Amino acid sequence: MLVFTRRRNEAIMIGDAIEVRILRLGRDGVRLGIVAPASVAVHRREVYDLIGAENRSAAEATVPARELANKLRHAAKVGANRRPETARAPEP
């Protein structure tokens, strides 16, 4: 682990594109500002752990291929049986 000492309004850089800045120091904690490209996901650790758990759960859940195919066929039939709605001009 790399440990830094920073004061308010000081920052550290992670690579060329991620900046972590100390915004406020208080009794209850430190407020950080993070500037990162949109392609980089930035989450609090507890949120990151929940996302990982949900992803693992989804990967472990298996739906038999035949059941999934039947659901898709049913959804396609329901969609094909619907009449398209026609746009009408509002009445004056």
PDB file of N, CA and C in Angstrom:
ATOM      1  N   MET A   1       0.853  -1.169   0.000  1.00  0.00           N
ATOM      2  CA  MET A   1       0.000   0.000   0.000  1.00  0.00           C
ATOM      3  C   MET A   1       0.901   1.236   0.000  1.00  0.00           C
ATOM      4  N   LEU A   2       0.565   2.178  -0.820  1.00  0.00           N
ATOM      5  CA  LEU A   2       1.269   3.449  -0.876  1.00  0.00           C
ATOM      6  C   LEU A   2       0.498   4.453  -0.028  1.00  0.00           C
ATOM      7  N   VAL A   3       1.155   5.113   0.910  1.00  0.00           N
ATOM      8  CA  VAL A   3       0.496   6.045   1.824  1.00  0.00           C
ATOM      9  C   VAL A   3       1.009   7.454   1.551  1.00  0.00           C
ATOM     10  N   PHE A   4       0.079   8.409   1.422  1.00  0.00           N
ATOM     11  CA  PHE A   4       0.419   9.808   1.174  1.00  0.00           C
ATOM     12  C   PHE A   4      -0.049  10.663   2.333  1.00  0.00           C
ATOM     13  N   THR A   5       0.641  11.759   2.557  1.00  0.00           N
ATOM     14  CA  THR A   5       0.159  12.807   3.439  1.00  0.00           C
ATOM     15  C   THR A   5      -0.165  14.001   2.556  1.00  0.00           C
ATOM     16  N   ARG A   6      -1.391  14.448   2.603  1.00  0.00           N
ATOM     17  CA  ARG A   6      -1.846  15.573   1.790  1.00  0.00           C
ATOM     18  C   ARG A   6      -2.625  16.528   2.675  1.00  0.00           C
ATOM     19  N   ARG A   7      -2.586  17.780   2.337  1.00  0.00           N
ATOM     20  CA  ARG A   7      -3.371  18.789   3.039  1.00  0.00           C
ATOM     21  C   ARG A   7      -4.543  19.192   2.148  1.00  0.00           C
ATOM     22  N   ARG A   8      -5.427  19.995   2.703  1.00  0.00           N
ATOM     23  CA  ARG A   8      -6.596  20.479   1.954  1.00  0.00           C
ATOM     24  C   ARG A   8      -6.147  21.143   0.652  1.00  0.00           C
ATOM     25  N   ASN A   9      -6.896  20.867  -0.411  1.00  0.00           N
ATOM     26  CA  ASN A   9      -6.649  21.374  -1.771  1.00  0.00           C
ATOM     27  C   ASN A   9      -5.402  20.797  -2.431  1.00  0.00           C
ATOM     28  N   GLU A  10      -4.754  19.824  -1.817  1.00  0.00           N
ATOM     29  CA  GLU A  10      -3.651  19.129  -2.470  1.00  0.00           C
ATOM     30  C   GLU A  10      -4.213  17.867  -3.124  1.00  0.00           C
ATOM     31  N   ALA A  11      -3.480  17.334  -4.074  1.00  0.00           N
ATOM     32  CA  ALA A  11      -3.990  16.197  -4.840  1.00  0.00           C
ATOM     33  C   ALA A  11      -2.890  15.176  -5.088  1.00  0.00           C
ATOM     34  N   ILE A  12      -3.315  13.998  -5.491  1.00  0.00           N
ATOM     35  CA  ILE A  12      -2.411  12.984  -6.017  1.00  0.00           C
ATOM     36  C   ILE A  12      -2.922  12.603  -7.402  1.00  0.00           C
ATOM     37  N   MET A  13      -2.029  12.142  -8.243  1.00  0.00           N
ATOM     38  CA  MET A  13      -2.390  11.688  -9.595  1.00  0.00           C
ATOM     39  C   MET A  13      -2.189  10.184  -9.672  1.00  0.00           C
ATOM     40  N   ILE A  14      -3.150   9.516 -10.286  1.00  0.00           N
ATOM     41  CA  ILE A  14      -3.041   8.086 -10.567  1.00  0.00           C
ATOM     42  C   ILE A  14      -2.958   7.983 -12.082  1.00  0.00           C
ATOM     43  N   GLY A  15      -1.788   7.650 -12.567  1.00  0.00           N
ATOM     44  CA  GLY A  15      -1.567   7.677 -14.009  1.00  0.00           C
ATOM     45  C   GLY A  15      -1.649   9.114 -14.506  1.00  0.00           C
ATOM     46  N   ASP A  16      -2.008   9.272 -15.768  1.00  0.00           N
ATOM     47  CA  ASP A  16      -2.107  10.605 -16.355  1.00  0.00           C
ATOM     48  C   ASP A  16      -3.516  11.175 -16.302  1.00  0.00           C
ATOM     49  N   ALA A  17      -4.510  10.348 -15.956  1.00  0.00           N
ATOM     50  CA  ALA A  17      -5.897  10.782 -16.146  1.00  0.00           C
ATOM     51  C   ALA A  17      -6.738  10.842 -14.874  1.00  0.00           C
ATOM     52  N   ILE A  18      -6.231  10.355 -13.753  1.00  0.00           N
ATOM     53  CA  ILE A  18      -7.062  10.314 -12.541  1.00  0.00           C
ATOM     54  C   ILE A  18      -6.428  11.189 -11.462  1.00  0.00           C
ATOM     55  N   GLU A  19      -7.216  12.146 -10.988  1.00  0.00           N
ATOM     56  CA  GLU A  19      -6.760  13.036  -9.922  1.00  0.00           C
ATOM     57  C   GLU A  19      -7.645  12.842  -8.697  1.00  0.00           C
ATOM     58  N   VAL A  20      -7.009  12.690  -7.539  1.00  0.00           N
ATOM     59  CA  VAL A  20      -7.724  12.593  -6.270  1.00  0.00           C
ATOM     60  C   VAL A  20      -7.296  13.808  -5.444  1.00  0.00           C
ATOM     61  N   ARG A  21      -8.281  14.656  -5.099  1.00  0.00           N
ATOM     62  CA  ARG A  21      -7.993  15.910  -4.392  1.00  0.00           C
ATOM     63  C   ARG A  21      -8.676  15.902  -3.026  1.00  0.00           C
ATOM     64  N   ILE A  22      -7.961  16.402  -2.023  1.00  0.00           N
ATOM     65  CA  ILE A  22      -8.513  16.558  -0.681  1.00  0.00           C
ATOM     66  C   ILE A  22      -9.343  17.840  -0.674  1.00  0.00           C
ATOM     67  N   LEU A  23     -10.642  17.717  -0.447  1.00  0.00           N
ATOM     68  CA  LEU A  23     -11.521  18.884  -0.445  1.00  0.00           C
ATOM     69  C   LEU A  23     -11.758  19.438   0.951  1.00  0.00           C
ATOM     70  N   ARG A  24     -11.941  18.530   1.914  1.00  0.00           N
ATOM     71  CA  ARG A  24     -12.253  18.993   3.263  1.00  0.00           C
ATOM     72  C   ARG A  24     -11.823  17.935   4.270  1.00  0.00           C
ATOM     73  N   LEU A  25     -11.301  18.391   5.380  1.00  0.00           N
ATOM     74  CA  LEU A  25     -10.945  17.515   6.490  1.00  0.00           C
ATOM     75  C   LEU A  25     -11.871  17.830   7.647  1.00  0.00           C
ATOM     76  N   GLY A  26     -12.373  16.814   8.303  1.00  0.00           N
ATOM     77  CA  GLY A  26     -13.269  17.031   9.433  1.00  0.00           C
ATOM     78  C   GLY A  26     -13.120  15.933  10.459  1.00  0.00           C
ATOM     79  N   ARG A  27     -13.865  16.056  11.545  1.00  0.00           N
ATOM     80  CA  ARG A  27     -13.816  15.049  12.603  1.00  0.00           C
ATOM     81  C   ARG A  27     -14.310  13.692  12.123  1.00  0.00           C
ATOM     82  N   ASP A  28     -15.323  13.722  11.257  1.00  0.00           N
ATOM     83  CA  ASP A  28     -15.956  12.474  10.824  1.00  0.00           C
ATOM     84  C   ASP A  28     -15.286  11.837   9.616  1.00  0.00           C
ATOM     85  N   GLY A  29     -14.394  12.535   8.937  1.00  0.00           N
ATOM     86  CA  GLY A  29     -13.756  11.933   7.784  1.00  0.00           C
ATOM     87  C   GLY A  29     -13.151  12.966   6.854  1.00  0.00           C
ATOM     88  N   VAL A  30     -12.796  12.504   5.707  1.00  0.00           N
ATOM     89  CA  VAL A  30     -12.155  13.315   4.681  1.00  0.00           C
ATOM     90  C   VAL A  30     -13.068  13.345   3.469  1.00  0.00           C
ATOM     91  N   ARG A  31     -13.246  14.520   2.877  1.00  0.00           N
ATOM     92  CA  ARG A  31     -14.031  14.608   1.644  1.00  0.00           C
ATOM     93  C   ARG A  31     -13.043  14.683   0.481  1.00  0.00           C
ATOM     94  N   LEU A  32     -13.187  13.736  -0.445  1.00  0.00           N
ATOM     95  CA  LEU A  32     -12.308  13.639  -1.601  1.00  0.00           C
ATOM     96  C   LEU A  32     -13.046  14.046  -2.859  1.00  0.00           C
ATOM     97  N   GLY A  33     -12.330  14.626  -3.786  1.00  0.00           N
ATOM     98  CA  GLY A  33     -12.853  14.880  -5.120  1.00  0.00           C
ATOM     99  C   GLY A  33     -12.040  14.055  -6.092  1.00  0.00           C
ATOM    100  N   ILE A  34     -12.708  13.385  -7.007  1.00  0.00           N
ATOM    101  CA  ILE A  34     -12.020  12.517  -7.963  1.00  0.00           C
ATOM    102  C   ILE A  34     -12.380  12.955  -9.369  1.00  0.00           C
ATOM    103  N   VAL A  35     -11.358  13.206 -10.167  1.00  0.00           N
ATOM    104  CA  VAL A  35     -11.544  13.528 -11.580  1.00  0.00           C
ATOM    105  C   VAL A  35     -10.989  12.344 -12.353  1.00  0.00           C
ATOM    106  N   ALA A  36     -11.863  11.704 -13.147  1.00  0.00           N
ATOM    107  CA  ALA A  36     -11.457  10.527 -13.912  1.00  0.00           C
ATOM    108  C   ALA A  36     -12.232  10.495 -15.217  1.00  0.00           C
ATOM    109  N   PRO A  37     -11.689   9.853 -16.240  1.00  0.00           N
ATOM    110  CA  PRO A  37     -12.422   9.714 -17.499  1.00  0.00           C
ATOM    111  C   PRO A  37     -13.725   8.944 -17.284  1.00  0.00           C
ATOM    112  N   ALA A  38     -14.702   9.194 -18.139  1.00  0.00           N
ATOM    113  CA  ALA A  38     -15.997   8.518 -18.020  1.00  0.00           C
ATOM    114  C   ALA A  38     -15.858   7.000 -18.152  1.00  0.00           C
ATOM    115  N   SER A  39     -14.807   6.537 -18.799  1.00  0.00           N
ATOM    116  CA  SER A  39     -14.616   5.098 -18.988  1.00  0.00           C
ATOM    117  C   SER A  39     -14.132   4.398 -17.714  1.00  0.00           C
ATOM    118  N   VAL A  40     -13.768   5.165 -16.686  1.00  0.00           N
ATOM    119  CA  VAL A  40     -13.294   4.588 -15.433  1.00  0.00           C
ATOM    120  C   VAL A  40     -14.423   4.638 -14.410  1.00  0.00           C
ATOM    121  N   ALA A  41     -14.812   3.489 -13.906  1.00  0.00           N
ATOM    122  CA  ALA A  41     -15.867   3.423 -12.888  1.00  0.00           C
ATOM    123  C   ALA A  41     -15.269   3.809 -11.540  1.00  0.00           C
ATOM    124  N   VAL A  42     -15.943   4.716 -10.836  1.00  0.00           N
ATOM    125  CA  VAL A  42     -15.500   5.141  -9.512  1.00  0.00           C
ATOM    126  C   VAL A  42     -16.662   4.911  -8.547  1.00  0.00           C
ATOM    127  N   HIS A  43     -16.442   4.044  -7.545  1.00  0.00           N
ATOM    128  CA  HIS A  43     -17.485   3.700  -6.583  1.00  0.00           C
ATOM    129  C   HIS A  43     -16.902   3.700  -5.178  1.00  0.00           C
ATOM    130  N   ARG A  44     -17.752   3.936  -4.180  1.00  0.00           N
ATOM    131  CA  ARG A  44     -17.352   3.677  -2.802  1.00  0.00           C
ATOM    132  C   ARG A  44     -17.129   2.170  -2.665  1.00  0.00           C
ATOM    133  N   ARG A  45     -16.281   1.759  -1.745  1.00  0.00           N
ATOM    134  CA  ARG A  45     -15.945   0.339  -1.621  1.00  0.00           C
ATOM    135  C   ARG A  45     -17.168  -0.529  -1.365  1.00  0.00           C
ATOM    136  N   GLU A  46     -18.083  -0.066  -0.494  1.00  0.00           N
ATOM    137  CA  GLU A  46     -19.250  -0.897  -0.173  1.00  0.00           C
ATOM    138  C   GLU A  46     -20.155  -1.072  -1.388  1.00  0.00           C
ATOM    139  N   VAL A  47     -20.243  -0.061  -2.244  1.00  0.00           N
ATOM    140  CA  VAL A  47     -21.033  -0.167  -3.478  1.00  0.00           C
ATOM    141  C   VAL A  47     -20.334  -1.109  -4.451  1.00  0.00           C
ATOM    142  N   TYR A  48     -19.022  -0.981  -4.560  1.00  0.00           N
ATOM    143  CA  TYR A  48     -18.228  -1.854  -5.426  1.00  0.00           C
ATOM    144  C   TYR A  48     -18.413  -3.319  -5.031  1.00  0.00           C
ATOM    145  N   ASP A  49     -18.383  -3.595  -3.722  1.00  0.00           N
ATOM    146  CA  ASP A  49     -18.572  -4.972  -3.246  1.00  0.00           C
ATOM    147  C   ASP A  49     -19.975  -5.487  -3.574  1.00  0.00           C
ATOM    148  N   LEU A  50     -21.002  -4.642  -3.439  1.00  0.00           N
ATOM    149  CA  LEU A  50     -22.378  -5.056  -3.784  1.00  0.00           C
ATOM    150  C   LEU A  50     -22.508  -5.356  -5.277  1.00  0.00           C
ATOM    151  N   ILE A  51     -21.899  -4.534  -6.109  1.00  0.00           N
ATOM    152  CA  ILE A  51     -21.936  -4.767  -7.557  1.00  0.00           C
ATOM    153  C   ILE A  51     -21.280  -6.110  -7.884  1.00  0.00           C
ATOM    154  N   GLY A  52     -20.131  -6.371  -7.263  1.00  0.00           N
ATOM    155  CA  GLY A  52     -19.446  -7.649  -7.485  1.00  0.00           C
ATOM    156  C   GLY A  52     -20.289  -8.837  -7.065  1.00  0.00           C
ATOM    157  N   ALA A  53     -20.945  -8.720  -5.907  1.00  0.00           N
ATOM    158  CA  ALA A  53     -21.791  -9.808  -5.423  1.00  0.00           C
ATOM    159  C   ALA A  53     -22.964 -10.047  -6.366  1.00  0.00           C
ATOM    160  N   GLU A  54     -23.595  -8.977  -6.851  1.00  0.00           N
ATOM    161  CA  GLU A  54     -24.707  -9.119  -7.801  1.00  0.00           C
ATOM    162  C   GLU A  54     -24.235  -9.751  -9.104  1.00  0.00           C
ATOM    163  N   ASN A  55     -23.067  -9.369  -9.575  1.00  0.00           N
ATOM    164  CA  ASN A  55     -22.535  -9.951 -10.811  1.00  0.00           C
ATOM    165  C   ASN A  55     -22.248 -11.438 -10.640  1.00  0.00           C
ATOM    166  N   ARG A  56     -21.663 -11.798  -9.494  1.00  0.00           N
ATOM    167  CA  ARG A  56     -21.403 -13.227  -9.244  1.00  0.00           C
ATOM    168  C   ARG A  56     -22.700 -14.009  -9.163  1.00  0.00           C
ATOM    169  N   SER A  57     -23.711 -13.434  -8.502  1.00  0.00           N
ATOM    170  CA  SER A  57     -25.008 -14.094  -8.371  1.00  0.00           C
ATOM    171  C   SER A  57     -25.656 -14.296  -9.739  1.00  0.00           C
ATOM    172  N   ALA A  58     -25.585 -13.276 -10.579  1.00  0.00           N
ATOM    173  CA  ALA A  58     -26.181 -13.380 -11.919  1.00  0.00           C
ATOM    174  C   ALA A  58     -25.446 -14.411 -12.766  1.00  0.00           C
ATOM    175  N   ALA A  59     -24.136 -14.492 -12.612  1.00  0.00           N
ATOM    176  CA  ALA A  59     -23.353 -15.453 -13.393  1.00  0.00           C
ATOM    177  C   ALA A  59     -23.650 -16.887 -12.958  1.00  0.00           C
ATOM    178  N   GLU A  60     -23.964 -17.068 -11.682  1.00  0.00           N
ATOM    179  CA  GLU A  60     -24.246 -18.412 -11.176  1.00  0.00           C
ATOM    180  C   GLU A  60     -25.663 -18.877 -11.498  1.00  0.00           C
ATOM    181  N   ALA A  61     -26.574 -17.939 -11.668  1.00  0.00           N
ATOM    182  CA  ALA A  61     -27.964 -18.291 -11.969  1.00  0.00           C
ATOM    183  C   ALA A  61     -28.024 -18.845 -13.383  1.00  0.00           C
ATOM    184  N   THR A  62     -28.561 -20.047 -13.500  1.00  0.00           N
ATOM    185  CA  THR A  62     -28.657 -20.654 -14.826  1.00  0.00           C
ATOM    186  C   THR A  62     -30.116 -20.864 -15.179  1.00  0.00           C
ATOM    187  N   VAL A  63     -30.451 -20.497 -16.386  1.00  0.00           N
ATOM    188  CA  VAL A  63     -31.789 -20.727 -16.918  1.00  0.00           C
ATOM    189  C   VAL A  63     -31.609 -21.714 -18.067  1.00  0.00           C
ATOM    190  N   PRO A  64     -32.307 -22.826 -18.023  1.00  0.00           N
ATOM    191  CA  PRO A  64     -32.170 -23.786 -19.110  1.00  0.00           C
ATOM    192  C   PRO A  64     -32.440 -23.114 -20.463  1.00  0.00           C
ATOM    193  N   ALA A  65     -31.667 -23.480 -21.460  1.00  0.00           N
ATOM    194  CA  ALA A  65     -31.771 -22.862 -22.777  1.00  0.00           C
ATOM    195  C   ALA A  65     -33.179 -23.008 -23.362  1.00  0.00           C
ATOM    196  N   ARG A  66     -33.812 -24.140 -23.149  1.00  0.00           N
ATOM    197  CA  ARG A  66     -35.154 -24.357 -23.707  1.00  0.00           C
ATOM    198  C   ARG A  66     -36.149 -23.376 -23.070  1.00  0.00           C
ATOM    199  N   GLU A  67     -36.068 -23.180 -21.741  1.00  0.00           N
ATOM    200  CA  GLU A  67     -36.967 -22.247 -21.060  1.00  0.00           C
ATOM    201  C   GLU A  67     -36.758 -20.821 -21.558  1.00  0.00           C
ATOM    202  N   LEU A  68     -35.505 -20.435 -21.724  1.00  0.00           N
ATOM    203  CA  LEU A  68     -35.196 -19.092 -22.214  1.00  0.00           C
ATOM    204  C   LEU A  68     -35.715 -18.912 -23.643  1.00  0.00           C
ATOM    205  N   ALA A  69     -35.539 -19.914 -24.488  1.00  0.00           N
ATOM    206  CA  ALA A  69     -36.018 -19.835 -25.871  1.00  0.00           C
ATOM    207  C   ALA A  69     -37.543 -19.700 -25.905  1.00  0.00           C
ATOM    208  N   ASN A  70     -38.238 -20.436 -25.041  1.00  0.00           N
ATOM    209  CA  ASN A  70     -39.699 -20.339 -24.990  1.00  0.00           C
ATOM    210  C   ASN A  70     -40.147 -18.942 -24.569  1.00  0.00           C
ATOM    211  N   LYS A  71     -39.474 -18.355 -23.589  1.00  0.00           N
ATOM    212  CA  LYS A  71     -39.818 -17.007 -23.154  1.00  0.00           C
ATOM    213  C   LYS A  71     -39.626 -16.002 -24.288  1.00  0.00           C
ATOM    214  N   LEU A  72     -38.546 -16.151 -25.019  1.00  0.00           N
ATOM    215  CA  LEU A  72     -38.281 -15.238 -26.138  1.00  0.00           C
ATOM    216  C   LEU A  72     -39.327 -15.403 -27.241  1.00  0.00           C
ATOM    217  N   ARG A  73     -39.709 -16.639 -27.537  1.00  0.00           N
ATOM    218  CA  ARG A  73     -40.736 -16.870 -28.559  1.00  0.00           C
ATOM    219  C   ARG A  73     -42.061 -16.249 -28.138  1.00  0.00           C
ATOM    220  N   HIS A  74     -42.422 -16.428 -26.869  1.00  0.00           N
ATOM    221  CA  HIS A  74     -43.671 -15.871 -26.357  1.00  0.00           C
ATOM    222  C   HIS A  74     -43.649 -14.345 -26.454  1.00  0.00           C
ATOM    223  N   ALA A  75     -42.548 -13.731 -26.071  1.00  0.00           N
ATOM    224  CA  ALA A  75     -42.440 -12.269 -26.130  1.00  0.00           C
ATOM    225  C   ALA A  75     -42.546 -11.783 -27.570  1.00  0.00           C
ATOM    226  N   ALA A  76     -41.976 -12.526 -28.507  1.00  0.00           N
ATOM    227  CA  ALA A  76     -42.049 -12.130 -29.917  1.00  0.00           C
ATOM    228  C   ALA A  76     -43.483 -12.242 -30.436  1.00  0.00           C
ATOM    229  N   LYS A  77     -44.211 -13.291 -30.016  1.00  0.00           N
ATOM    230  CA  LYS A  77     -45.602 -13.447 -30.448  1.00  0.00           C
ATOM    231  C   LYS A  77     -46.467 -12.335 -29.889  1.00  0.00           C
ATOM    232  N   VAL A  78     -46.302 -12.018 -28.638  1.00  0.00           N
ATOM    233  CA  VAL A  78     -47.092 -10.958 -28.006  1.00  0.00           C
ATOM    234  C   VAL A  78     -46.832  -9.634 -28.719  1.00  0.00           C
ATOM    235  N   GLY A  79     -45.582  -9.356 -29.032  1.00  0.00           N
ATOM    236  CA  GLY A  79     -45.246  -8.116 -29.727  1.00  0.00           C
ATOM    237  C   GLY A  79     -45.813  -8.072 -31.137  1.00  0.00           C
ATOM    238  N   ALA A  80     -45.856  -9.225 -31.816  1.00  0.00           N
ATOM    239  CA  ALA A  80     -46.362  -9.269 -33.186  1.00  0.00           C
ATOM    240  C   ALA A  80     -47.876  -9.119 -33.228  1.00  0.00           C
ATOM    241  N   ASN A  81     -48.573  -9.518 -32.160  1.00  0.00           N
ATOM    242  CA  ASN A  81     -50.031  -9.452 -32.134  1.00  0.00           C
ATOM    243  C   ASN A  81     -50.559  -8.069 -31.768  1.00  0.00           C
ATOM    244  N   ARG A  82     -49.709  -7.213 -31.287  1.00  0.00           N
ATOM    245  CA  ARG A  82     -50.169  -5.868 -30.922  1.00  0.00           C
ATOM    246  C   ARG A  82     -50.360  -5.028 -32.164  1.00  0.00           C
ATOM    247  N   ARG A  83     -51.434  -4.241 -32.152  1.00  0.00           N
ATOM    248  CA  ARG A  83     -51.665  -3.334 -33.264  1.00  0.00           C
ATOM    249  C   ARG A  83     -50.834  -2.076 -33.052  1.00  0.00           C
ATOM    250  N   PRO A  84     -50.202  -1.599 -34.098  1.00  0.00           N
ATOM    251  CA  PRO A  84     -49.448  -0.359 -33.937  1.00  0.00           C
ATOM    252  C   PRO A  84     -50.396   0.791 -33.664  1.00  0.00           C
ATOM    253  N   GLU A  85     -49.983   1.656 -32.748  1.00  0.00           N
ATOM    254  CA  GLU A  85     -50.819   2.811 -32.435  1.00  0.00           C
ATOM    255  C   GLU A  85     -50.606   3.884 -33.492  1.00  0.00           C
ATOM    256  N   THR A  86     -51.689   4.481 -33.906  1.00  0.00           N
ATOM    257  CA  THR A  86     -51.579   5.539 -34.906  1.00  0.00           C
ATOM    258  C   THR A  86     -51.595   6.873 -34.205  1.00  0.00           C
ATOM    259  N   ALA A  87     -50.774   7.761 -34.702  1.00  0.00           N
ATOM    260  CA  ALA A  87     -50.699   9.084 -34.112  1.00  0.00           C
ATOM    261  C   ALA A  87     -51.845   9.920 -34.624  1.00  0.00           C
ATOM    262  N   ARG A  88     -52.523  10.598 -33.728  1.00  0.00           N
ATOM    263  CA  ARG A  88     -53.624  11.478 -34.120  1.00  0.00           C
ATOM    264  C   ARG A  88     -53.279  12.896 -33.695  1.00  0.00           C
ATOM    265  N   ALA A  89     -53.716  13.813 -34.507  1.00  0.00           N
ATOM    266  CA  ALA A  89     -53.514  15.226 -34.166  1.00  0.00           C
ATOM    267  C   ALA A  89     -54.456  15.578 -33.016  1.00  0.00           C
ATOM    268  N   PRO A  90     -53.990  16.396 -32.092  1.00  0.00           N
ATOM    269  CA  PRO A  90     -54.871  16.793 -30.987  1.00  0.00           C
ATOM    270  C   PRO A  90     -56.078  17.575 -31.485  1.00  0.00           C
ATOM    271  N   GLU A  91     -57.181  17.333 -30.821  1.00  0.00           N
ATOM    272  CA  GLU A  91     -58.403  18.051 -31.208  1.00  0.00           C
ATOM    273  C   GLU A  91     -58.321  19.496 -30.745  1.00  0.00           C
ATOM    274  N   PRO A  92     -58.808  20.448 -31.581  1.00  0.00           N
ATOM    275  CA  PRO A  92     -58.718  21.873 -31.200  1.00  0.00           C
ATOM    276  C   PRO A  92     -59.689  22.252 -30.130  1.00  0.00           C
TER     277      PRO A  92
END
